[in-house]
Amino acid sequence: MLYEFRVSCPVPPEAAKTFPVLRAVSIAGQTVFYGVVLDQAHLFGLMGRFRRCRLPLAEMQPLATRPP
């Protein structure tokens, strides 16, 4: 399933490379990551990685369509 992860601050490109399965896009001072999440374990793993990288995850949601 396709997911969107919204981080409430700009994420430097080097830090975004920590998430190779996600595409990062800067939007209005935030960074939005898009990507396919395979299952619940994968989702929790990604959430843990955001936390370990100290990236403030403001929102996370499944998407019905492809991102812009």
PDB file of N, CA and C in Angstrom:
ATOM      1  N   MET A   1       0.844  -1.173   0.000  1.00  0.00           N
ATOM      2  CA  MET A   1       0.000   0.000   0.000  1.00  0.00           C
ATOM      3  C   MET A   1       0.891   1.239   0.000  1.00  0.00           C
ATOM      4  N   LEU A   2       0.489   2.248  -0.730  1.00  0.00           N
ATOM      5  CA  LEU A   2       1.227   3.501  -0.813  1.00  0.00           C
ATOM      6  C   LEU A   2       0.945   4.364   0.424  1.00  0.00           C
ATOM      7  N   TYR A   3       2.015   4.900   1.020  1.00  0.00           N
ATOM      8  CA  TYR A   3       1.882   5.737   2.224  1.00  0.00           C
ATOM      9  C   TYR A   3       2.557   7.073   2.017  1.00  0.00           C
ATOM     10  N   GLU A   4       2.080   8.050   2.797  1.00  0.00           N
ATOM     11  CA  GLU A   4       2.698   9.367   2.890  1.00  0.00           C
ATOM     12  C   GLU A   4       3.126   9.573   4.332  1.00  0.00           C
ATOM     13  N   PHE A   5       4.373  10.017   4.512  1.00  0.00           N
ATOM     14  CA  PHE A   5       4.916  10.354   5.831  1.00  0.00           C
ATOM     15  C   PHE A   5       5.318  11.821   5.777  1.00  0.00           C
ATOM     16  N   ARG A   6       4.717  12.646   6.617  1.00  0.00           N
ATOM     17  CA  ARG A   6       4.982  14.090   6.606  1.00  0.00           C
ATOM     18  C   ARG A   6       5.829  14.458   7.822  1.00  0.00           C
ATOM     19  N   VAL A   7       7.011  15.020   7.557  1.00  0.00           N
ATOM     20  CA  VAL A   7       7.933  15.450   8.609  1.00  0.00           C
ATOM     21  C   VAL A   7       7.816  16.970   8.702  1.00  0.00           C
ATOM     22  N   SER A   8       7.685  17.484   9.920  1.00  0.00           N
ATOM     23  CA  SER A   8       7.381  18.903  10.114  1.00  0.00           C
ATOM     24  C   SER A   8       8.590  19.823  10.030  1.00  0.00           C
ATOM     25  N   CYS A   9       9.620  19.416   9.286  1.00  0.00           N
ATOM     26  CA  CYS A   9      10.783  20.271   9.080  1.00  0.00           C
ATOM     27  C   CYS A   9      11.478  19.846   7.786  1.00  0.00           C
ATOM     28  N   PRO A  10      12.319  20.702   7.247  1.00  0.00           N
ATOM     29  CA  PRO A  10      13.105  20.295   6.078  1.00  0.00           C
ATOM     30  C   PRO A  10      14.082  19.177   6.465  1.00  0.00           C
ATOM     31  N   VAL A  11      14.229  18.202   5.602  1.00  0.00           N
ATOM     32  CA  VAL A  11      15.162  17.097   5.827  1.00  0.00           C
ATOM     33  C   VAL A  11      16.269  17.213   4.781  1.00  0.00           C
ATOM     34  N   PRO A  12      17.527  17.316   5.213  1.00  0.00           N
ATOM     35  CA  PRO A  12      18.632  17.397   4.255  1.00  0.00           C
ATOM     36  C   PRO A  12      18.671  16.149   3.362  1.00  0.00           C
ATOM     37  N   PRO A  13      19.105  16.301   2.117  1.00  0.00           N
ATOM     38  CA  PRO A  13      19.153  15.157   1.193  1.00  0.00           C
ATOM     39  C   PRO A  13      19.923  13.964   1.737  1.00  0.00           C
ATOM     40  N   GLU A  14      21.019  14.211   2.460  1.00  0.00           N
ATOM     41  CA  GLU A  14      21.793  13.089   3.021  1.00  0.00           C
ATOM     42  C   GLU A  14      20.966  12.303   4.036  1.00  0.00           C
ATOM     43  N   ALA A  15      20.183  13.002   4.852  1.00  0.00           N
ATOM     44  CA  ALA A  15      19.335  12.320   5.835  1.00  0.00           C
ATOM     45  C   ALA A  15      18.194  11.579   5.143  1.00  0.00           C
ATOM     46  N   ALA A  16      17.688  12.133   4.056  1.00  0.00           N
ATOM     47  CA  ALA A  16      16.601  11.478   3.313  1.00  0.00           C
ATOM     48  C   ALA A  16      17.064  10.151   2.717  1.00  0.00           C
ATOM     49  N   LYS A  17      18.367  10.030   2.453  1.00  0.00           N
ATOM     50  CA  LYS A  17      18.904   8.778   1.902  1.00  0.00           C
ATOM     51  C   LYS A  17      18.815   7.632   2.902  1.00  0.00           C
ATOM     52  N   THR A  18      18.515   7.938   4.161  1.00  0.00           N
ATOM     53  CA  THR A  18      18.318   6.917   5.181  1.00  0.00           C
ATOM     54  C   THR A  18      17.076   6.080   4.884  1.00  0.00           C
ATOM     55  N   PHE A  19      16.221   6.598   4.008  1.00  0.00           N
ATOM     56  CA  PHE A  19      14.963   5.938   3.649  1.00  0.00           C
ATOM     57  C   PHE A  19      14.984   5.592   2.157  1.00  0.00           C
ATOM     58  N   PRO A  20      15.781   4.599   1.737  1.00  0.00           N
ATOM     59  CA  PRO A  20      15.940   4.324   0.305  1.00  0.00           C
ATOM     60  C   PRO A  20      14.661   3.854  -0.397  1.00  0.00           C
ATOM     61  N   VAL A  21      13.698   3.348   0.351  1.00  0.00           N
ATOM     62  CA  VAL A  21      12.458   2.882  -0.286  1.00  0.00           C
ATOM     63  C   VAL A  21      11.421   3.992  -0.404  1.00  0.00           C
ATOM     64  N   LEU A  22      11.735   5.185   0.110  1.00  0.00           N
ATOM     65  CA  LEU A  22      10.799   6.305   0.070  1.00  0.00           C
ATOM     66  C   LEU A  22      11.353   7.427  -0.791  1.00  0.00           C
ATOM     67  N   ARG A  23      10.445   8.149  -1.439  1.00  0.00           N
ATOM     68  CA  ARG A  23      10.815   9.339  -2.220  1.00  0.00           C
ATOM     69  C   ARG A  23      10.522  10.566  -1.373  1.00  0.00           C
ATOM     70  N   ALA A  24      11.471  11.484  -1.263  1.00  0.00           N
ATOM     71  CA  ALA A  24      11.307  12.687  -0.444  1.00  0.00           C
ATOM     72  C   ALA A  24      11.032  13.900  -1.326  1.00  0.00           C
ATOM     73  N   VAL A  25      10.054  14.721  -0.900  1.00  0.00           N
ATOM     74  CA  VAL A  25       9.690  15.943  -1.605  1.00  0.00           C
ATOM     75  C   VAL A  25       9.548  17.056  -0.564  1.00  0.00           C
ATOM     76  N   SER A  26      10.174  18.217  -0.808  1.00  0.00           N
ATOM     77  CA  SER A  26      10.025  19.372   0.086  1.00  0.00           C
ATOM     78  C   SER A  26       8.791  20.158  -0.314  1.00  0.00           C
ATOM     79  N   ILE A  27       7.927  20.425   0.683  1.00  0.00           N
ATOM     80  CA  ILE A  27       6.690  21.170   0.451  1.00  0.00           C
ATOM     81  C   ILE A  27       6.478  22.122   1.626  1.00  0.00           C
ATOM     82  N   ALA A  28       6.544  23.422   1.355  1.00  0.00           N
ATOM     83  CA  ALA A  28       6.216  24.461   2.349  1.00  0.00           C
ATOM     84  C   ALA A  28       6.911  24.256   3.696  1.00  0.00           C
ATOM     85  N   GLY A  29       8.232  24.082   3.677  1.00  0.00           N
ATOM     86  CA  GLY A  29       8.975  23.961   4.921  1.00  0.00           C
ATOM     87  C   GLY A  29       8.914  22.589   5.568  1.00  0.00           C
ATOM     88  N   GLN A  30       8.209  21.670   4.937  1.00  0.00           N
ATOM     89  CA  GLN A  30       8.126  20.306   5.431  1.00  0.00           C
ATOM     90  C   GLN A  30       8.761  19.370   4.411  1.00  0.00           C
ATOM     91  N   THR A  31       8.997  18.150   4.827  1.00  0.00           N
ATOM     92  CA  THR A  31       9.444  17.123   3.896  1.00  0.00           C
ATOM     93  C   THR A  31       8.417  16.011   3.915  1.00  0.00           C
ATOM     94  N   VAL A  32       7.954  15.632   2.734  1.00  0.00           N
ATOM     95  CA  VAL A  32       6.967  14.566   2.615  1.00  0.00           C
ATOM     96  C   VAL A  32       7.634  13.389   1.920  1.00  0.00           C
ATOM     97  N   PHE A  33       7.548  12.241   2.565  1.00  0.00           N
ATOM     98  CA  PHE A  33       8.086  11.005   2.009  1.00  0.00           C
ATOM     99  C   PHE A  33       6.924  10.168   1.478  1.00  0.00           C
ATOM    100  N   TYR A  34       7.113   9.575   0.303  1.00  0.00           N
ATOM    101  CA  TYR A  34       6.111   8.695  -0.293  1.00  0.00           C
ATOM    102  C   TYR A  34       6.761   7.352  -0.583  1.00  0.00           C
ATOM    103  N   GLY A  35       5.985   6.303  -0.416  1.00  0.00           N
ATOM    104  CA  GLY A  35       6.510   4.997  -0.791  1.00  0.00           C
ATOM    105  C   GLY A  35       5.568   3.867  -0.451  1.00  0.00           C
ATOM    106  N   VAL A  36       5.892   2.704  -0.967  1.00  0.00           N
ATOM    107  CA  VAL A  36       5.084   1.511  -0.738  1.00  0.00           C
ATOM    108  C   VAL A  36       5.512   0.874   0.582  1.00  0.00           C
ATOM    109  N   VAL A  37       4.521   0.590   1.405  1.00  0.00           N
ATOM    110  CA  VAL A  37       4.738  -0.111   2.667  1.00  0.00           C
ATOM    111  C   VAL A  37       4.174  -1.518   2.487  1.00  0.00           C
ATOM    112  N   LEU A  38       5.011  -2.505   2.711  1.00  0.00           N
ATOM    113  CA  LEU A  38       4.645  -3.883   2.409  1.00  0.00           C
ATOM    114  C   LEU A  38       3.697  -4.507   3.425  1.00  0.00           C
ATOM    115  N   ASP A  39       3.930  -4.237   4.702  1.00  0.00           N
ATOM    116  CA  ASP A  39       3.098  -4.830   5.742  1.00  0.00           C
ATOM    117  C   ASP A  39       3.279  -4.034   7.038  1.00  0.00           C
ATOM    118  N   GLN A  40       2.634  -4.505   8.101  1.00  0.00           N
ATOM    119  CA  GLN A  40       2.673  -3.777   9.369  1.00  0.00           C
ATOM    120  C   GLN A  40       4.094  -3.715   9.939  1.00  0.00           C
ATOM    121  N   ALA A  41       4.848  -4.788   9.811  1.00  0.00           N
ATOM    122  CA  ALA A  41       6.223  -4.787  10.317  1.00  0.00           C
ATOM    123  C   ALA A  41       7.067  -3.754   9.575  1.00  0.00           C
ATOM    124  N   HIS A  42       6.880  -3.639   8.272  1.00  0.00           N
ATOM    125  CA  HIS A  42       7.599  -2.648   7.472  1.00  0.00           C
ATOM    126  C   HIS A  42       7.215  -1.234   7.925  1.00  0.00           C
ATOM    127  N   LEU A  43       5.930  -1.004   8.144  1.00  0.00           N
ATOM    128  CA  LEU A  43       5.444   0.301   8.602  1.00  0.00           C
ATOM    129  C   LEU A  43       6.077   0.677   9.943  1.00  0.00           C
ATOM    130  N   PHE A  44       6.063  -0.257  10.901  1.00  0.00           N
ATOM    131  CA  PHE A  44       6.639   0.030  12.215  1.00  0.00           C
ATOM    132  C   PHE A  44       8.145   0.247  12.119  1.00  0.00           C
ATOM    133  N   GLY A  45       8.808  -0.472  11.227  1.00  0.00           N
ATOM    134  CA  GLY A  45      10.232  -0.279  11.020  1.00  0.00           C
ATOM    135  C   GLY A  45      10.550   1.117  10.505  1.00  0.00           C
ATOM    136  N   LEU A  46       9.743   1.589   9.545  1.00  0.00           N
ATOM    137  CA  LEU A  46       9.936   2.948   9.018  1.00  0.00           C
ATOM    138  C   LEU A  46       9.679   3.994  10.099  1.00  0.00           C
ATOM    139  N   MET A  47       8.623   3.790  10.886  1.00  0.00           N
ATOM    140  CA  MET A  47       8.317   4.738  11.960  1.00  0.00           C
ATOM    141  C   MET A  47       9.459   4.781  12.980  1.00  0.00           C
ATOM    142  N   GLY A  48      10.023   3.633  13.291  1.00  0.00           N
ATOM    143  CA  GLY A  48      11.157   3.586  14.208  1.00  0.00           C
ATOM    144  C   GLY A  48      12.372   4.303  13.644  1.00  0.00           C
ATOM    145  N   ARG A  49      12.579   4.180  12.349  1.00  0.00           N
ATOM    146  CA  ARG A  49      13.717   4.856  11.715  1.00  0.00           C
ATOM    147  C   ARG A  49      13.544   6.373  11.781  1.00  0.00           C
ATOM    148  N   PHE A  50      12.312   6.874  11.549  1.00  0.00           N
ATOM    149  CA  PHE A  50      12.058   8.316  11.700  1.00  0.00           C
ATOM    150  C   PHE A  50      12.408   8.750  13.124  1.00  0.00           C
ATOM    151  N   ARG A  51      11.994   7.968  14.096  1.00  0.00           N
ATOM    152  CA  ARG A  51      12.241   8.304  15.502  1.00  0.00           C
ATOM    153  C   ARG A  51      13.745   8.282  15.806  1.00  0.00           C
ATOM    154  N   ARG A  52      14.460   7.242  15.354  1.00  0.00           N
ATOM    155  CA  ARG A  52      15.905   7.152  15.612  1.00  0.00           C
ATOM    156  C   ARG A  52      16.679   8.296  14.952  1.00  0.00           C
ATOM    157  N   CYS A  53      16.174   8.760  13.805  1.00  0.00           N
ATOM    158  CA  CYS A  53      16.819   9.883  13.103  1.00  0.00           C
ATOM    159  C   CYS A  53      16.386  11.229  13.671  1.00  0.00           C
ATOM    160  N   ARG A  54      15.542  11.201  14.686  1.00  0.00           N
ATOM    161  CA  ARG A  54      15.017  12.414  15.329  1.00  0.00           C
ATOM    162  C   ARG A  54      14.291  13.326  14.338  1.00  0.00           C
ATOM    163  N   LEU A  55      13.548  12.706  13.439  1.00  0.00           N
ATOM    164  CA  LEU A  55      12.734  13.460  12.482  1.00  0.00           C
ATOM    165  C   LEU A  55      11.307  13.493  12.999  1.00  0.00           C
ATOM    166  N   PRO A  56      10.770  14.681  13.262  1.00  0.00           N
ATOM    167  CA  PRO A  56       9.425  14.793  13.846  1.00  0.00           C
ATOM    168  C   PRO A  56       8.336  14.413  12.838  1.00  0.00           C
ATOM    169  N   LEU A  57       7.827  13.212  12.963  1.00  0.00           N
ATOM    170  CA  LEU A  57       6.779  12.714  12.075  1.00  0.00           C
ATOM    171  C   LEU A  57       5.455  13.353  12.474  1.00  0.00           C
ATOM    172  N   ALA A  58       4.975  14.289  11.657  1.00  0.00           N
ATOM    173  CA  ALA A  58       3.763  15.043  11.968  1.00  0.00           C
ATOM    174  C   ALA A  58       2.502  14.309  11.524  1.00  0.00           C
ATOM    175  N   GLU A  59       2.630  13.528  10.459  1.00  0.00           N
ATOM    176  CA  GLU A  59       1.449  12.861   9.915  1.00  0.00           C
ATOM    177  C   GLU A  59       1.890  11.654   9.096  1.00  0.00           C
ATOM    178  N   MET A  60       1.042  10.644   9.100  1.00  0.00           N
ATOM    179  CA  MET A  60       1.286   9.450   8.311  1.00  0.00           C
ATOM    180  C   MET A  60      -0.071   8.944   7.853  1.00  0.00           C
ATOM    181  N   GLN A  61      -0.176   8.628   6.566  1.00  0.00           N
ATOM    182  CA  GLN A  61      -1.470   8.145   6.084  1.00  0.00           C
ATOM    183  C   GLN A  61      -1.308   7.309   4.820  1.00  0.00           C
ATOM    184  N   PRO A  62      -2.191   6.324   4.657  1.00  0.00           N
ATOM    185  CA  PRO A  62      -2.201   5.583   3.392  1.00  0.00           C
ATOM    186  C   PRO A  62      -2.816   6.462   2.307  1.00  0.00           C
ATOM    187  N   LEU A  63      -2.365   6.284   1.081  1.00  0.00           N
ATOM    188  CA  LEU A  63      -2.871   7.070  -0.035  1.00  0.00           C
ATOM    189  C   LEU A  63      -3.637   6.164  -1.005  1.00  0.00           C
ATOM    190  N   ALA A  64      -4.694   6.698  -1.558  1.00  0.00           N
ATOM    191  CA  ALA A  64      -5.492   5.941  -2.521  1.00  0.00           C
ATOM    192  C   ALA A  64      -4.918   6.075  -3.937  1.00  0.00           C
ATOM    193  N   THR A  65      -4.161   7.160  -4.178  1.00  0.00           N
ATOM    194  CA  THR A  65      -3.617   7.411  -5.514  1.00  0.00           C
ATOM    195  C   THR A  65      -2.133   7.719  -5.431  1.00  0.00           C
ATOM    196  N   ARG A  66      -1.509   7.821  -6.580  1.00  0.00           N
ATOM    197  CA  ARG A  66      -0.081   8.146  -6.662  1.00  0.00           C
ATOM    198  C   ARG A  66       0.161   9.581  -6.204  1.00  0.00           C
ATOM    199  N   PRO A  67       1.308   9.853  -5.551  1.00  0.00           N
ATOM    200  CA  PRO A  67       1.632  11.230  -5.132  1.00  0.00           C
ATOM    201  C   PRO A  67       1.947  12.101  -6.347  1.00  0.00           C
ATOM    202  N   PRO A  68       1.945  13.431  -6.141  1.00  0.00           N
ATOM    203  CA  PRO A  68       2.257  14.348  -7.252  1.00  0.00           C
ATOM    204  C   PRO A  68       3.677  14.195  -7.754  1.00  0.00           C
TER     205      PRO A  68
END
